[in-house]
Amino acid sequence: MRICVNIVIIAQIAIFGHCGATSRKGIEVVKLEPYETKKVKLTLSPRDFAVIEEDGSCVAVPGIYEISAGGQQPDDRSTKLTGKRTERIEITRCGEKTGVDY
């Protein structure tokens, strides 16, 4: 007997920035029919790379960031438990600190 079910997944990406900070961004709920695949496009904004300074200002900070996608934490323990790895890319945000809206 084969059972086919509809699946709802939550597509999200994790951003790992300087100082070990991690945030979840670009979250989208996607409904899949049995055996269906879909491409999901998630867009990041300067605010997604921002931190709150001691004076309360919100600034996008230059630096190296790791972007991860794959439905689980991008760590060795999660890989060992699930047998799957997340997709990772490294990007560099150049320039100066830039003020962004909250």
N, C-alpha and C. Protein backbone atom coordinates (compact mmCIF):
# COMPACT_ATOMS: atom_id res chain seq x y z
N MET A 1 0.84 -1.16 0.00
CA MET A 1 0.00 0.00 0.00
C MET A 1 0.89 1.23 0.00
N ARG A 2 0.57 2.20 -0.85
CA ARG A 2 1.31 3.44 -0.91
C ARG A 2 0.37 4.56 -0.46
N ILE A 3 0.85 5.40 0.45
CA ILE A 3 0.06 6.53 0.93
C ILE A 3 0.72 7.80 0.42
N CYS A 4 -0.04 8.64 -0.27
CA CYS A 4 0.46 9.91 -0.75
C CYS A 4 -0.19 11.03 0.03
N VAL A 5 0.59 11.95 0.51
CA VAL A 5 0.06 13.07 1.29
C VAL A 5 0.58 14.38 0.74
N ASN A 6 -0.19 15.43 0.97
CA ASN A 6 0.29 16.77 0.66
C ASN A 6 1.23 17.20 1.77
N ILE A 7 2.21 17.99 1.42
CA ILE A 7 3.22 18.42 2.38
C ILE A 7 3.30 19.94 2.38
N VAL A 8 3.40 20.51 3.54
CA VAL A 8 3.66 21.94 3.67
C VAL A 8 5.03 22.09 4.30
N ILE A 9 5.92 22.79 3.63
CA ILE A 9 7.25 23.03 4.18
C ILE A 9 7.44 24.52 4.42
N ILE A 10 8.36 24.82 5.27
CA ILE A 10 8.73 26.21 5.52
C ILE A 10 10.14 26.39 4.98
N ALA A 11 10.25 27.16 3.92
CA ALA A 11 11.56 27.45 3.33
C ALA A 11 12.15 28.64 4.07
N GLN A 12 13.36 28.50 4.54
CA GLN A 12 14.03 29.60 5.21
C GLN A 12 15.52 29.49 5.01
N ILE A 13 16.20 30.59 5.20
CA ILE A 13 17.64 30.59 5.15
C ILE A 13 18.19 31.14 6.45
N ALA A 14 19.35 30.72 6.78
CA ALA A 14 20.02 31.20 7.99
C ALA A 14 21.22 32.03 7.56
N ILE A 15 21.41 33.15 8.25
CA ILE A 15 22.56 34.01 8.00
C ILE A 15 23.47 33.96 9.22
N PHE A 16 24.72 33.60 9.00
CA PHE A 16 25.70 33.57 10.07
C PHE A 16 26.66 34.71 9.84
N GLY A 17 26.66 35.67 10.75
CA GLY A 17 27.47 36.86 10.58
C GLY A 17 28.65 36.90 11.52
N HIS A 18 29.24 38.08 11.59
CA HIS A 18 30.37 38.28 12.48
C HIS A 18 29.90 38.12 13.93
N CYS A 19 30.79 37.88 14.81
CA CYS A 19 30.51 37.69 16.24
C CYS A 19 29.66 36.46 16.50
N GLY A 20 29.55 35.54 15.54
CA GLY A 20 28.79 34.33 15.75
C GLY A 20 27.28 34.51 15.75
N ALA A 21 26.79 35.69 15.37
CA ALA A 21 25.35 35.94 15.36
C ALA A 21 24.68 35.14 14.25
N THR A 22 23.51 34.59 14.55
CA THR A 22 22.73 33.83 13.58
C THR A 22 21.33 34.39 13.53
N SER A 23 20.76 34.49 12.34
CA SER A 23 19.37 34.92 12.22
C SER A 23 18.70 34.16 11.11
N ARG A 24 17.40 33.96 11.24
CA ARG A 24 16.59 33.30 10.23
C ARG A 24 15.93 34.39 9.39
N LYS A 25 16.03 34.28 8.10
CA LYS A 25 15.49 35.29 7.19
C LYS A 25 14.83 34.62 6.00
N GLY A 26 14.08 35.41 5.24
CA GLY A 26 13.50 34.93 4.00
C GLY A 26 12.60 33.74 4.16
N ILE A 27 11.75 33.75 5.16
CA ILE A 27 10.90 32.59 5.43
C ILE A 27 9.68 32.61 4.51
N GLU A 28 9.37 31.46 3.91
CA GLU A 28 8.21 31.32 3.04
C GLU A 28 7.60 29.94 3.22
N VAL A 29 6.29 29.88 3.33
CA VAL A 29 5.59 28.60 3.44
C VAL A 29 5.23 28.12 2.04
N VAL A 30 5.54 26.86 1.75
CA VAL A 30 5.32 26.29 0.42
C VAL A 30 4.54 24.99 0.57
N LYS A 31 3.44 24.86 -0.18
CA LYS A 31 2.65 23.63 -0.17
C LYS A 31 3.06 22.79 -1.36
N LEU A 32 3.34 21.51 -1.12
CA LEU A 32 3.74 20.59 -2.18
C LEU A 32 2.74 19.45 -2.28
N GLU A 33 2.39 19.10 -3.50
CA GLU A 33 1.59 17.91 -3.76
C GLU A 33 2.55 16.71 -3.73
N PRO A 34 2.01 15.50 -3.62
CA PRO A 34 2.90 14.33 -3.65
C PRO A 34 3.81 14.34 -4.87
N TYR A 35 5.09 14.10 -4.66
CA TYR A 35 6.14 14.02 -5.68
C TYR A 35 6.43 15.35 -6.38
N GLU A 36 5.88 16.44 -5.90
CA GLU A 36 6.08 17.74 -6.54
C GLU A 36 7.33 18.41 -5.98
N THR A 37 8.02 19.13 -6.83
CA THR A 37 9.14 19.98 -6.38
C THR A 37 8.86 21.40 -6.83
N LYS A 38 9.36 22.35 -6.08
CA LYS A 38 9.22 23.75 -6.44
C LYS A 38 10.51 24.47 -6.13
N LYS A 39 10.83 25.47 -6.95
CA LYS A 39 11.93 26.37 -6.64
C LYS A 39 11.37 27.52 -5.82
N VAL A 40 12.11 27.93 -4.83
CA VAL A 40 11.70 29.04 -3.98
C VAL A 40 12.76 30.11 -4.05
N LYS A 41 12.34 31.35 -4.32
CA LYS A 41 13.27 32.47 -4.38
C LYS A 41 13.08 33.30 -3.12
N LEU A 42 14.14 33.45 -2.36
CA LEU A 42 14.12 34.26 -1.15
C LEU A 42 15.08 35.43 -1.34
N THR A 43 14.60 36.63 -1.09
CA THR A 43 15.40 37.84 -1.30
C THR A 43 15.83 38.42 0.04
N LEU A 44 17.09 38.77 0.14
CA LEU A 44 17.63 39.40 1.35
C LEU A 44 17.80 40.89 1.12
N SER A 45 17.57 41.65 2.17
CA SER A 45 17.72 43.11 2.10
C SER A 45 18.88 43.55 2.99
N PRO A 46 19.32 44.79 2.87
CA PRO A 46 20.38 45.28 3.77
C PRO A 46 20.01 45.09 5.25
N ARG A 47 18.73 45.21 5.59
CA ARG A 47 18.29 45.04 6.98
C ARG A 47 18.62 43.64 7.49
N ASP A 48 18.64 42.65 6.60
CA ASP A 48 18.94 41.28 7.00
C ASP A 48 20.39 41.11 7.45
N PHE A 49 21.24 42.08 7.14
CA PHE A 49 22.64 42.03 7.54
C PHE A 49 22.96 43.09 8.60
N ALA A 50 21.92 43.58 9.25
CA ALA A 50 22.08 44.70 10.19
C ALA A 50 22.19 44.23 11.63
N VAL A 51 22.81 45.07 12.42
CA VAL A 51 22.91 44.88 13.87
C VAL A 51 22.49 46.18 14.54
N ILE A 52 22.16 46.10 15.80
CA ILE A 52 21.83 47.28 16.58
C ILE A 52 23.08 47.69 17.35
N GLU A 53 23.53 48.92 17.11
CA GLU A 53 24.71 49.45 17.78
C GLU A 53 24.37 49.84 19.23
N GLU A 54 25.39 50.08 20.03
CA GLU A 54 25.18 50.46 21.43
C GLU A 54 24.37 51.74 21.56
N ASP A 55 24.48 52.64 20.58
CA ASP A 55 23.71 53.89 20.65
C ASP A 55 22.27 53.74 20.15
N GLY A 56 21.89 52.49 19.80
CA GLY A 56 20.53 52.22 19.35
C GLY A 56 20.32 52.32 17.85
N SER A 57 21.34 52.72 17.11
CA SER A 57 21.20 52.82 15.66
C SER A 57 21.25 51.43 15.03
N CYS A 58 20.57 51.30 13.91
CA CYS A 58 20.51 50.04 13.16
C CYS A 58 21.39 50.21 11.93
N VAL A 59 22.43 49.38 11.80
CA VAL A 59 23.37 49.51 10.69
C VAL A 59 23.64 48.15 10.04
N ALA A 60 23.74 48.17 8.71
CA ALA A 60 24.19 47.00 7.97
C ALA A 60 25.71 47.03 8.00
N VAL A 61 26.30 45.94 8.40
CA VAL A 61 27.73 45.89 8.66
C VAL A 61 28.45 45.11 7.56
N PRO A 62 29.54 45.67 7.01
CA PRO A 62 30.33 44.90 6.05
C PRO A 62 30.99 43.71 6.73
N GLY A 63 31.26 42.69 5.97
CA GLY A 63 31.93 41.51 6.52
C GLY A 63 31.60 40.28 5.71
N ILE A 64 32.04 39.14 6.22
CA ILE A 64 31.82 37.86 5.57
C ILE A 64 30.64 37.18 6.26
N TYR A 65 29.69 36.72 5.46
CA TYR A 65 28.49 36.06 5.97
C TYR A 65 28.35 34.70 5.31
N GLU A 66 27.87 33.73 6.06
CA GLU A 66 27.56 32.42 5.50
C GLU A 66 26.05 32.30 5.40
N ILE A 67 25.57 31.94 4.23
CA ILE A 67 24.15 31.74 3.99
C ILE A 67 23.92 30.24 3.89
N SER A 68 22.94 29.73 4.63
CA SER A 68 22.68 28.30 4.67
C SER A 68 21.20 28.04 4.42
N ALA A 69 20.90 27.01 3.63
CA ALA A 69 19.52 26.60 3.37
C ALA A 69 19.49 25.08 3.33
N GLY A 70 18.42 24.51 3.88
CA GLY A 70 18.35 23.05 3.80
C GLY A 70 17.45 22.39 4.81
N GLY A 71 16.64 23.12 5.53
CA GLY A 71 15.65 22.50 6.40
C GLY A 71 16.14 22.01 7.74
N GLN A 72 17.35 22.37 8.12
CA GLN A 72 17.87 21.97 9.42
C GLN A 72 19.02 22.89 9.80
N GLN A 73 19.50 22.74 11.01
CA GLN A 73 20.67 23.50 11.44
C GLN A 73 21.88 23.06 10.62
N PRO A 74 22.71 23.99 10.20
CA PRO A 74 23.88 23.62 9.39
C PRO A 74 25.06 23.21 10.27
N ASP A 75 24.88 22.21 11.09
CA ASP A 75 25.96 21.77 11.96
C ASP A 75 26.16 20.26 11.82
N ASP A 76 27.28 19.79 12.34
CA ASP A 76 27.63 18.37 12.21
C ASP A 76 26.63 17.46 12.92
N ARG A 77 26.10 17.90 14.05
CA ARG A 77 25.15 17.06 14.79
C ARG A 77 23.88 16.84 13.98
N SER A 78 23.34 17.88 13.38
CA SER A 78 22.14 17.75 12.55
C SER A 78 22.41 16.85 11.34
N THR A 79 23.58 16.99 10.75
CA THR A 79 23.95 16.15 9.61
C THR A 79 24.01 14.69 10.03
N LYS A 80 24.59 14.43 11.19
CA LYS A 80 24.69 13.05 11.69
C LYS A 80 23.30 12.47 11.97
N LEU A 81 22.40 13.28 12.53
CA LEU A 81 21.06 12.79 12.86
C LEU A 81 20.20 12.54 11.63
N THR A 82 20.31 13.40 10.62
CA THR A 82 19.42 13.31 9.45
C THR A 82 20.07 12.65 8.24
N GLY A 83 21.39 12.62 8.21
CA GLY A 83 22.08 12.10 7.04
C GLY A 83 22.10 13.08 5.88
N LYS A 84 21.66 14.31 6.13
CA LYS A 84 21.62 15.34 5.09
C LYS A 84 22.47 16.53 5.49
N ARG A 85 22.95 17.26 4.49
CA ARG A 85 23.71 18.48 4.74
C ARG A 85 22.95 19.67 4.16
N THR A 86 23.14 20.81 4.75
CA THR A 86 22.56 22.02 4.20
C THR A 86 23.44 22.55 3.08
N GLU A 87 22.85 23.34 2.21
CA GLU A 87 23.62 24.05 1.19
C GLU A 87 24.14 25.33 1.82
N ARG A 88 25.40 25.64 1.57
CA ARG A 88 26.01 26.83 2.16
C ARG A 88 26.76 27.61 1.09
N ILE A 89 26.66 28.94 1.21
CA ILE A 89 27.51 29.81 0.40
C ILE A 89 28.06 30.89 1.31
N GLU A 90 29.18 31.42 0.94
CA GLU A 90 29.79 32.51 1.70
C GLU A 90 29.76 33.76 0.84
N ILE A 91 29.29 34.86 1.42
CA ILE A 91 29.25 36.12 0.69
C ILE A 91 30.00 37.18 1.49
N THR A 92 30.46 38.20 0.79
CA THR A 92 31.13 39.32 1.44
C THR A 92 30.35 40.58 1.17
N ARG A 93 29.95 41.27 2.22
CA ARG A 93 29.30 42.58 2.07
C ARG A 93 30.40 43.62 2.20
N CYS A 94 30.63 44.37 1.14
CA CYS A 94 31.70 45.36 1.10
C CYS A 94 31.18 46.74 1.49
N GLY A 95 32.10 47.66 1.63
CA GLY A 95 31.74 49.06 1.90
C GLY A 95 31.81 49.40 3.37
N GLU A 96 31.11 50.44 3.72
CA GLU A 96 31.07 50.96 5.09
C GLU A 96 29.79 50.51 5.79
N LYS A 97 29.76 50.74 7.09
CA LYS A 97 28.51 50.55 7.82
C LYS A 97 27.46 51.47 7.21
N THR A 98 26.27 50.97 7.01
CA THR A 98 25.21 51.74 6.39
C THR A 98 23.98 51.74 7.29
N GLY A 99 23.47 52.91 7.61
CA GLY A 99 22.27 53.00 8.42
C GLY A 99 21.07 52.46 7.67
N VAL A 100 20.24 51.66 8.34
CA VAL A 100 19.02 51.12 7.74
C VAL A 100 17.86 51.34 8.73
N ASP A 101 16.65 51.34 8.18
CA ASP A 101 15.47 51.48 9.02
C ASP A 101 15.22 50.20 9.82
N TYR A 102 14.60 50.36 10.98
CA TYR A 102 14.23 49.18 11.78
C TYR A 102 13.19 48.40 11.06
